[in-house]
Protein backbone atom coordinates (compact mmCIF):
# COMPACT_ATOMS: atom_id res chain seq x y z
CA MET A 1 7.02 17.82 -13.90
CA ASN A 2 7.75 18.01 -9.86
CA SER A 3 6.07 14.37 -8.20
CA THR A 4 6.20 13.97 -4.17
CA VAL A 5 6.06 10.71 -2.82
CA LEU A 6 3.08 9.95 -0.35
CA ALA A 7 3.10 6.94 1.74
CA ASP A 8 0.37 5.31 1.86
CA GLN A 9 -0.72 2.25 4.29
CA SER A 10 -0.84 -0.93 1.97
CA GLY A 11 2.95 -0.25 1.88
CA ALA A 12 2.20 1.82 -1.99
CA ILE A 13 4.09 4.98 -2.87
CA VAL A 14 1.54 7.10 -4.57
CA LEU A 15 3.57 10.01 -6.88
CA ALA A 16 1.57 12.93 -7.05
CA GLU A 17 2.43 16.83 -8.36
CA GLY A 18 3.50 19.37 -6.70
CA PRO A 19 4.59 22.57 -6.14
CA GLN A 20 8.50 23.01 -7.72
CA ARG A 21 10.45 23.02 -5.61
CA PRO A 22 15.19 23.58 -6.16
CA ARG A 23 16.60 20.73 -7.94
CA ARG A 24 19.53 19.71 -5.73
CA ARG A 25 22.26 17.56 -7.42
CA ARG A 26 21.50 13.67 -7.44
CA ARG A 27 23.67 11.60 -5.97
CA PRO A 28 25.10 9.34 -8.57
CA VAL A 29 22.87 5.80 -8.06
CA PRO A 30 24.62 2.97 -8.10
CA ALA A 31 24.64 -0.52 -10.01
CA VAL A 32 23.72 -3.60 -9.19
CA ALA A 33 25.58 -6.33 -9.83
CA GLY A 34 23.50 -9.09 -12.22
CA PHE A 35 21.24 -6.15 -14.27
CA ALA A 36 20.81 -3.45 -17.03
CA PRO A 37 20.54 0.13 -15.30
CA GLN A 38 18.18 -0.07 -17.09
CA LEU A 39 16.05 -2.94 -15.29
CA VAL A 40 16.94 -2.00 -11.68
CA GLY A 41 13.83 0.66 -11.25
CA PRO A 42 11.19 -1.76 -12.39
CA ALA A 43 12.97 -5.32 -11.02
CA CYS A 44 12.27 -3.09 -7.43
CA ILE A 45 8.99 -1.79 -8.01
CA ILE A 46 7.90 -5.86 -9.18
CA ALA A 47 9.39 -6.98 -5.65
CA SER A 48 8.33 -4.37 -3.60
CA CYS A 49 4.80 -5.39 -4.83
CA ALA A 50 5.99 -8.71 -3.95
CA SER A 51 6.67 -8.20 -0.89
CA LEU A 52 3.79 -6.38 0.04
CA GLN A 53 1.48 -9.92 -0.61
CA VAL A 54 3.72 -12.35 0.18
CA GLY A 55 3.12 -10.59 3.80
CA THR A 56 -0.32 -9.66 3.41
CA ALA A 57 -0.51 -13.61 2.74
CA LEU A 58 1.32 -15.22 5.00
CA ALA A 59 -0.99 -12.24 7.52
CA THR A 60 -3.68 -14.43 7.09
CA THR A 61 -2.27 -17.42 9.36
CA THR A 62 -2.20 -15.47 11.95
CA PHE A 63 -5.56 -14.53 12.19
CA ALA A 64 -6.76 -17.74 14.03
CA ALA A 65 -4.11 -17.27 16.26
CA PHE A 66 -4.02 -12.91 17.04
CA GLY A 67 -7.82 -12.30 14.86
CA THR A 68 -7.66 -9.56 12.11
CA SER A 69 -7.29 -6.73 14.30
CA GLY A 70 -5.03 -8.42 16.63
CA THR A 71 -2.50 -9.35 13.04
CA GLY A 72 -2.61 -5.54 11.73
CA GLY A 73 -1.75 -3.99 14.98
CA LEU A 74 1.85 -5.94 15.62
CA ARG A 75 2.28 -5.55 11.89
CA LEU A 76 2.88 -2.32 12.59
CA LEU A 77 4.84 -2.36 15.64
CA ALA A 78 7.17 -4.76 14.15
CA GLY A 79 7.34 -2.31 11.37
CA ALA A 80 7.72 0.38 13.81
CA PHE A 81 10.71 -0.83 15.64
CA VAL A 82 12.09 -1.76 11.52
CA LEU A 83 11.84 2.09 10.41
CA LEU A 84 12.64 3.22 13.86
CA ALA A 85 15.83 2.17 14.37
CA PHE A 86 16.20 2.52 10.73
CA ALA A 87 15.37 6.34 10.57
CA ARG A 88 15.93 7.49 14.27
CA PRO A 89 13.53 10.27 14.20
CA ARG A 90 14.23 12.99 16.27
CA LEU A 91 10.86 13.47 18.72
CA ARG A 92 12.41 17.36 19.66
CA GLY A 93 11.51 19.98 17.12
CA HIS A 94 8.56 19.49 15.35
CA ALA A 95 6.06 22.14 14.88
CA ALA A 96 2.70 21.31 16.19
CA LYS A 97 1.15 21.48 12.45
CA SER A 98 4.15 18.34 12.08
CA TRP A 99 2.14 16.54 14.59
CA LEU A 100 -0.85 16.71 13.34
CA THR A 101 -0.02 15.89 10.39
CA ILE A 102 1.77 12.65 11.73
CA ALA A 103 -0.95 11.90 14.46
CA ALA A 104 -3.92 11.56 10.97
CA PHE A 105 -0.85 9.50 8.72
CA GLY A 106 -0.58 7.17 12.11
CA ALA A 107 -4.52 7.12 12.52
CA THR A 108 -5.31 6.60 8.42
CA MET A 109 -2.32 3.80 8.46
CA ALA A 110 -4.57 1.85 11.31
CA ALA A 111 -7.75 2.07 9.68
CA THR A 112 -6.24 0.77 6.69
CA ASN A 113 -4.56 -2.02 8.02
CA VAL A 114 -7.54 -3.22 10.45
CA LEU A 115 -10.24 -3.42 7.21
CA LEU A 116 -7.64 -4.89 4.91
CA TYR A 117 -7.28 -7.56 6.99
CA ALA A 118 -11.16 -7.41 7.94
CA ALA A 119 -11.78 -7.75 4.29
CA VAL A 120 -9.26 -10.77 3.83
CA ALA A 121 -10.25 -12.72 6.77
CA ARG A 122 -14.00 -12.70 3.53
CA ILE A 123 -12.31 -12.55 0.84
CA PRO A 124 -9.60 -13.65 -1.78
CA LEU A 125 -6.19 -11.80 -1.39
CA GLY A 126 -6.29 -10.63 -5.45
CA ALA A 127 -10.24 -8.77 -5.14
CA ALA A 128 -9.95 -6.98 -2.20
CA VAL A 129 -6.38 -5.08 -3.22
CA THR A 130 -8.05 -4.35 -6.69
CA LEU A 131 -10.74 -2.86 -4.27
CA GLU A 132 -8.76 -1.21 -2.55
CA PHE A 133 -7.04 -0.32 -4.76
CA LEU A 134 -9.18 1.90 -6.23
CA GLY A 135 -8.93 4.77 -3.79
CA PRO A 136 -5.82 5.77 -5.22
CA LEU A 137 -7.74 4.97 -8.43
CA GLY A 138 -10.44 7.83 -7.47
CA LEU A 139 -7.74 9.84 -6.63
CA ALA A 140 -5.89 10.53 -10.07
CA LEU A 141 -9.10 10.33 -11.92
CA LEU A 142 -10.61 12.91 -9.47
CA GLY A 143 -11.58 15.80 -11.05
CA ALA A 144 -10.94 14.35 -14.92
CA ARG A 145 -12.08 16.20 -17.48
CA ARG A 146 -11.06 13.62 -20.52
CA ARG A 147 -13.49 11.81 -22.36
CA LEU A 148 -10.76 9.43 -21.96
CA ASP A 149 -10.88 9.16 -18.26
CA ALA A 150 -14.23 8.70 -17.62
CA ALA A 151 -14.22 5.66 -19.93
CA TRP A 152 -11.57 4.35 -18.10
CA ALA A 153 -14.22 4.97 -14.58
CA PHE A 154 -16.40 2.96 -16.56
CA THR A 155 -14.17 0.55 -16.91
CA ALA A 156 -13.22 0.05 -13.03
CA ALA A 157 -16.64 0.51 -12.30
CA ALA A 158 -16.65 -2.35 -14.85
CA GLY A 159 -14.13 -4.01 -12.81
CA VAL A 160 -16.30 -3.96 -9.17
CA ALA A 161 -19.17 -5.46 -10.87
CA LEU A 162 -17.50 -8.41 -11.91
CA LEU A 163 -15.38 -8.86 -8.73
CA THR A 164 -18.60 -7.80 -6.33
CA GLY A 165 -21.10 -10.24 -8.37
CA GLY A 166 -19.37 -13.19 -9.50
CA PRO A 167 -19.90 -16.43 -9.35
CA THR A 168 -18.13 -17.17 -6.02
CA GLY A 169 -20.03 -13.93 -4.24
CA ALA A 170 -17.57 -12.29 -2.89
CA SER A 171 -18.59 -11.29 0.02
CA PRO A 172 -21.10 -8.25 0.28
CA VAL A 173 -19.13 -7.56 4.77
CA GLY A 174 -16.23 -8.12 2.43
CA SER A 175 -16.15 -5.69 -0.08
CA ALA A 176 -17.22 -2.62 1.89
CA PHE A 177 -14.22 -3.74 4.17
CA ALA A 178 -12.46 -3.12 1.28
CA LEU A 179 -14.05 -0.42 0.18
CA GLY A 180 -13.26 1.30 3.18
CA ALA A 181 -10.12 0.36 2.77
CA GLY A 182 -9.27 1.44 -0.30
CA LEU A 183 -10.49 5.28 1.03
CA SER A 184 -8.34 4.93 4.23
CA VAL A 185 -5.62 4.24 1.51
CA ALA A 186 -7.33 7.50 0.01
CA ALA A 187 -6.93 9.76 2.86
CA SER A 188 -3.12 8.83 3.86
CA ILE A 189 -2.59 10.52 0.04
CA LEU A 190 -3.31 13.63 0.51
CA ILE A 191 -2.30 13.90 4.40
CA ALA A 192 1.00 11.97 3.48
CA ARG A 193 1.62 15.05 1.13
CA ARG A 194 1.75 16.97 4.10
CA VAL A 195 4.13 14.48 5.41
CA ILE A 196 6.54 15.00 3.73
CA ASP A 197 6.28 18.52 2.74
CA GLN A 198 6.29 18.93 6.85
CA THR A 199 9.04 16.21 8.19
CA ASP A 200 12.66 14.51 6.76
CA GLY A 201 10.24 11.77 4.18
CA THR A 202 11.67 8.47 6.34
CA GLU A 203 11.46 10.89 9.12
CA GLY A 204 7.92 11.76 9.65
CA LEU A 205 6.98 7.74 8.09
CA ALA A 206 8.84 6.12 11.20
CA LEU A 207 6.67 8.16 13.37
CA SER A 208 3.31 7.88 11.16
CA VAL A 209 4.04 4.58 11.88
CA THR A 210 4.32 5.26 15.14
CA VAL A 211 1.10 6.36 15.87
CA ALA A 212 -0.35 4.43 14.00
CA ALA A 213 1.19 0.39 15.73
CA LEU A 214 0.27 3.24 19.47
CA LEU A 215 -3.46 3.37 18.00
CA THR A 216 -3.52 -0.48 17.57
CA LEU A 217 -2.32 -1.13 20.81
CA PRO A 218 -5.79 -2.12 22.17
CA ALA A 219 -6.15 -4.94 19.48
CA SER A 220 -1.95 -6.13 19.76
CA LEU A 221 -1.50 -6.71 23.83
CA PRO A 222 -4.69 -8.51 24.36
CA ALA A 223 -3.76 -10.62 21.23
CA VAL A 224 -0.55 -11.71 22.43
CA SER A 225 -1.97 -12.04 26.41
CA ASP A 226 -2.35 -15.50 25.16
CA ALA A 227 1.26 -16.55 25.66
CA PRO A 228 1.47 -17.41 21.30
CA SER A 229 3.40 -19.63 19.72
CA VAL A 230 7.32 -18.04 18.65
CA ASP A 231 6.38 -19.31 15.04
CA ASN A 232 3.43 -17.00 14.71
CA LEU A 233 5.34 -14.51 16.18
CA ALA A 234 8.13 -14.47 13.41
CA ILE A 235 5.57 -15.05 11.35
CA VAL A 236 4.37 -11.07 12.18
CA ALA A 237 7.34 -9.83 12.80
CA ALA A 238 7.98 -11.17 9.51
CA VAL A 239 4.87 -9.15 7.52
CA GLY A 240 6.65 -6.39 8.78
CA VAL A 241 9.26 -5.64 7.60
CA LEU A 242 7.86 -7.03 4.24
CA GLY A 243 4.64 -5.78 4.42
CA ILE A 244 6.55 -1.85 5.65
CA ALA A 245 10.10 -2.24 5.43
CA LEU A 246 11.33 -4.08 3.05
CA PRO A 247 9.10 -2.60 0.21
CA TYR A 248 9.18 1.31 1.61
CA ALA A 249 13.10 0.63 0.95
CA LEU A 250 12.46 -1.36 -2.27
CA GLU A 251 10.14 2.20 -3.77
CA LEU A 252 12.47 4.45 -2.83
CA ASN A 253 15.43 3.42 -4.65
CA ALA A 254 12.85 2.76 -7.98
CA LEU A 255 12.10 6.10 -7.35
CA ARG A 256 15.77 7.04 -8.61
CA ARG A 257 15.87 5.40 -11.13
CA VAL A 258 12.75 5.55 -13.26
CA GLY A 259 10.62 8.03 -14.15
CA VAL A 260 6.38 9.01 -12.62
CA LYS A 261 4.55 7.07 -15.39
CA THR A 262 6.85 4.03 -15.73
CA TYR A 263 6.64 3.85 -12.06
CA SER A 264 3.26 4.53 -11.33
CA ILE A 265 2.39 1.99 -14.71
CA LEU A 266 3.71 -0.69 -12.91
CA LEU A 267 1.83 -0.22 -9.36
CA SER A 268 -0.56 -0.96 -10.91
CA LEU A 269 -0.02 -4.84 -11.21
CA ASP A 270 -0.57 -5.28 -7.82
CA PRO A 271 -3.97 -6.24 -7.51
CA ALA A 272 -2.41 -8.77 -10.41
CA ILE A 273 -0.08 -9.60 -7.91
CA ALA A 274 -2.24 -9.79 -5.22
CA GLY A 275 -4.51 -12.32 -6.80
CA LEU A 276 -1.40 -14.47 -7.91
CA ALA A 277 0.32 -14.59 -3.95
CA GLY A 278 -3.35 -15.41 -2.94
CA LEU A 279 -3.62 -18.32 -6.06
CA LEU A 280 0.56 -19.80 -5.11
CA LEU A 281 0.39 -18.86 -1.22
CA LEU A 282 -3.00 -19.43 -0.37
CA GLY A 283 -5.16 -22.33 -2.60
CA GLN A 284 -7.36 -18.94 -3.55
CA HIS A 285 -8.48 -19.26 -7.16
CA LEU A 286 -10.44 -16.92 -9.05
CA ASN A 287 -13.37 -17.11 -11.22
CA PRO A 288 -13.30 -16.58 -14.48
CA ALA A 289 -15.28 -13.40 -13.89
CA GLU A 290 -13.11 -12.43 -11.61
CA LEU A 291 -10.08 -12.34 -13.55
CA CYS A 292 -11.97 -10.08 -15.36
CA GLY A 293 -11.98 -7.85 -12.93
CA ILE A 294 -8.99 -7.56 -11.82
CA GLY A 295 -7.77 -7.07 -15.18
CA LEU A 296 -10.25 -4.37 -15.64
CA VAL A 297 -8.94 -2.05 -13.10
CA VAL A 298 -5.45 -3.25 -13.24
CA ALA A 299 -6.02 -1.74 -17.14
CA ALA A 300 -8.21 1.62 -15.81
CA SER A 301 -5.52 2.60 -14.15
CA ALA A 302 -2.36 1.50 -16.16
CA GLY A 303 -4.58 3.30 -18.76
CA ALA A 304 -5.50 6.43 -16.56
CA VAL A 305 -1.69 7.06 -15.96
CA ALA A 306 -0.53 6.76 -19.73
CA ALA A 307 -3.10 8.52 -21.04
CA ARG A 308 -1.11 11.63 -18.21
CA PRO A 309 0.58 14.49 -19.75
CA THR A 310 3.73 14.33 -18.00
CA SER A 311 4.19 18.44 -17.60
């Protein structure tokens, strides 16, 4: 099976089946001191998820200064600077169709940022990321015809019911924002496949993040117009690195070392890692019903991937 790397705005990379292409000879994967070779890939995936969720948790500390939209826009701006410096993308030589695809990908990134941060401002981080994760999970189950896939879909639905109807009562508005972020993530996955096909992966990603940063400038510029503190600006810059640049670098490294199923199953831990980040960094305590809801969504995602044929 040939897999295509699809980048979603939450920082995760999703694998989807793509057309078979001639295989190129791979360069040897460098060893990492202190780690058994078979553990490096999984460690990179878990570190990527942790980096993303720590970045999101840190972002909440600047909501009071910049607002949710401003924080999301500044995060994209910081991430764009890092990726542009790293990828140094060409501005010439791209067909009009490629630029349209890049612009569409950037638009979905911008939407996801605004919606996710609006959700995190209203409901716990773990709940928001879990509801957002339903976008990729829905794509994985779309068109499924096996009874087992239907069972995983019902499992995920039960998890959502527990998350949105628990005693602490996830805000209906916050839940709606998180579900909207999930829809925009699903759209970005579909569009990202074309970005990868039409451009160099890293180059297309850098240009798309730049488009997203430009689209959110109307929120970013007013956010810094009141001479914000250096500390807040430093936090947003760190969020751009932790939420975009570092997760992609770790995941691309992991993709050279692990198979599709191993990668996707480990990525399913993201909602649980978000819940842990919310607890440790933000003091957000989830009640038993919400913890169970996160567990059901994680189980549904991992189970749906594990049951899928490898070829």
